[in-house]
Amino acid sequence: MSDEQRTRVEIGFDSGLIVIATISAKEWDKLQKGLEAGSGIVRFDGEDMAGYHVDVSKVSYVKYEQHVGRVGF
């Protein structure tokens, strides 16, 4: 995933749980389409090799930040 654009997402649920993951642009597109649909389960893979299943109807908010690259040490 190092050569492609990454998105850091923070997903807040009705219960107060927050999930933070870094995902590829392709996985972000899957999540975004599911959120726009407003219901159902969306499955996407994180950079940490974890798979996530999200019930979109339980999501309170999604904060996302796209990274083009990192500068620094």
C-alpha atoms as a PDB file:
ATOM      1  CA  MET A   1       0.000   0.000   0.000  1.00  0.00           C
ATOM      2  CA  SER A   2       3.016   2.300   0.214  1.00  0.00           C
ATOM      3  CA  ASP A   3       2.751   3.476  -3.415  1.00  0.00           C
ATOM      4  CA  GLU A   4      -0.929   4.346  -3.360  1.00  0.00           C
ATOM      5  CA  GLN A   5      -2.865   7.061  -1.599  1.00  0.00           C
ATOM      6  CA  ARG A   6      -3.938   6.268   1.946  1.00  0.00           C
ATOM      7  CA  THR A   7      -6.842   7.562   3.981  1.00  0.00           C
ATOM      8  CA  ARG A   8      -6.978   7.637   7.760  1.00  0.00           C
ATOM      9  CA  VAL A   9     -10.562   7.127   8.910  1.00  0.00           C
ATOM     10  CA  GLU A  10     -12.134   7.569  12.310  1.00  0.00           C
ATOM     11  CA  ILE A  11     -15.561   5.951  12.553  1.00  0.00           C
ATOM     12  CA  GLY A  12     -17.775   6.850  15.506  1.00  0.00           C
ATOM     13  CA  PHE A  13     -20.698   4.615  16.410  1.00  0.00           C
ATOM     14  CA  ASP A  14     -23.977   5.282  18.242  1.00  0.00           C
ATOM     15  CA  SER A  15     -22.664   3.294  21.226  1.00  0.00           C
ATOM     16  CA  GLY A  16     -19.671   5.622  21.661  1.00  0.00           C
ATOM     17  CA  LEU A  17     -17.112   3.200  20.203  1.00  0.00           C
ATOM     18  CA  ILE A  18     -14.574   4.763  17.843  1.00  0.00           C
ATOM     19  CA  VAL A  19     -12.561   2.780  15.294  1.00  0.00           C
ATOM     20  CA  ILE A  20      -9.485   4.306  13.678  1.00  0.00           C
ATOM     21  CA  ALA A  21      -7.871   2.714  10.624  1.00  0.00           C
ATOM     22  CA  THR A  22      -5.636   3.590   7.692  1.00  0.00           C
ATOM     23  CA  ILE A  23      -7.025   2.302   4.407  1.00  0.00           C
ATOM     24  CA  SER A  24      -6.245   2.498   0.693  1.00  0.00           C
ATOM     25  CA  ALA A  25      -8.174   4.738  -1.682  1.00  0.00           C
ATOM     26  CA  LYS A  26      -9.942   1.649  -3.062  1.00  0.00           C
ATOM     27  CA  GLU A  27     -11.141   0.633   0.416  1.00  0.00           C
ATOM     28  CA  TRP A  28     -12.205   4.214   1.178  1.00  0.00           C
ATOM     29  CA  ASP A  29     -14.368   4.160  -1.956  1.00  0.00           C
ATOM     30  CA  LYS A  30     -16.103   0.997  -0.695  1.00  0.00           C
ATOM     31  CA  LEU A  31     -16.754   2.571   2.699  1.00  0.00           C
ATOM     32  CA  GLN A  32     -17.939   5.851   1.214  1.00  0.00           C
ATOM     33  CA  LYS A  33     -20.423   4.106  -1.095  1.00  0.00           C
ATOM     34  CA  GLY A  34     -21.806   2.122   1.831  1.00  0.00           C
ATOM     35  CA  LEU A  35     -22.181   5.273   3.922  1.00  0.00           C
ATOM     36  CA  GLU A  36     -23.997   7.010   1.077  1.00  0.00           C
ATOM     37  CA  ALA A  37     -26.376   4.025   0.807  1.00  0.00           C
ATOM     38  CA  GLY A  38     -27.283   4.566   4.471  1.00  0.00           C
ATOM     39  CA  SER A  39     -27.745   0.944   5.478  1.00  0.00           C
ATOM     40  CA  GLY A  40     -26.184  -2.475   5.258  1.00  0.00           C
ATOM     41  CA  ILE A  41     -22.837  -3.955   6.191  1.00  0.00           C
ATOM     42  CA  VAL A  42     -19.660  -2.666   4.542  1.00  0.00           C
ATOM     43  CA  ARG A  43     -16.506  -4.769   4.575  1.00  0.00           C
ATOM     44  CA  PHE A  44     -13.116  -3.171   4.011  1.00  0.00           C
ATOM     45  CA  ASP A  45      -9.482  -4.004   4.715  1.00  0.00           C
ATOM     46  CA  GLY A  46      -7.117  -1.850   6.750  1.00  0.00           C
ATOM     47  CA  GLU A  47      -3.441  -1.209   6.238  1.00  0.00           C
ATOM     48  CA  ASP A  48      -2.745  -3.298   9.348  1.00  0.00           C
ATOM     49  CA  MET A  49      -4.016  -6.384   7.457  1.00  0.00           C
ATOM     50  CA  ALA A  50      -7.212  -6.354   9.510  1.00  0.00           C
ATOM     51  CA  GLY A  51     -10.657  -6.734   7.983  1.00  0.00           C
ATOM     52  CA  TYR A  52     -13.502  -4.533   9.199  1.00  0.00           C
ATOM     53  CA  HIS A  53     -17.258  -5.081   8.936  1.00  0.00           C
ATOM     54  CA  VAL A  54     -19.260  -1.940   9.644  1.00  0.00           C
ATOM     55  CA  ASP A  55     -23.025  -1.717  10.108  1.00  0.00           C
ATOM     56  CA  VAL A  56     -23.594   1.614   8.413  1.00  0.00           C
ATOM     57  CA  SER A  57     -26.902   2.210  10.222  1.00  0.00           C
ATOM     58  CA  LYS A  58     -24.979   2.384  13.546  1.00  0.00           C
ATOM     59  CA  VAL A  59     -22.430   4.987  12.384  1.00  0.00           C
ATOM     60  CA  SER A  60     -22.724   8.446  13.987  1.00  0.00           C
ATOM     61  CA  TYR A  61     -19.869  10.108  12.134  1.00  0.00           C
ATOM     62  CA  VAL A  62     -16.859   9.477   9.916  1.00  0.00           C
ATOM     63  CA  LYS A  63     -13.806  11.687   9.935  1.00  0.00           C
ATOM     64  CA  TYR A  64     -11.302  11.099   7.162  1.00  0.00           C
ATOM     65  CA  GLU A  65      -7.922  12.487   6.258  1.00  0.00           C
ATOM     66  CA  GLN A  66      -6.181  11.651   2.998  1.00  0.00           C
ATOM     67  CA  HIS A  67      -2.395  11.311   2.993  1.00  0.00           C
ATOM     68  CA  VAL A  68      -0.403  11.841  -0.148  1.00  0.00           C
ATOM     69  CA  GLY A  69       2.881  11.097   1.571  1.00  0.00           C
ATOM     70  CA  ARG A  70       4.815  11.620   4.743  1.00  0.00           C
ATOM     71  CA  VAL A  71       7.702  13.980   5.308  1.00  0.00           C
ATOM     72  CA  GLY A  72       9.891  13.701   8.347  1.00  0.00           C
ATOM     73  CA  PHE A  73      11.968  11.305  10.338  1.00  0.00           C
END
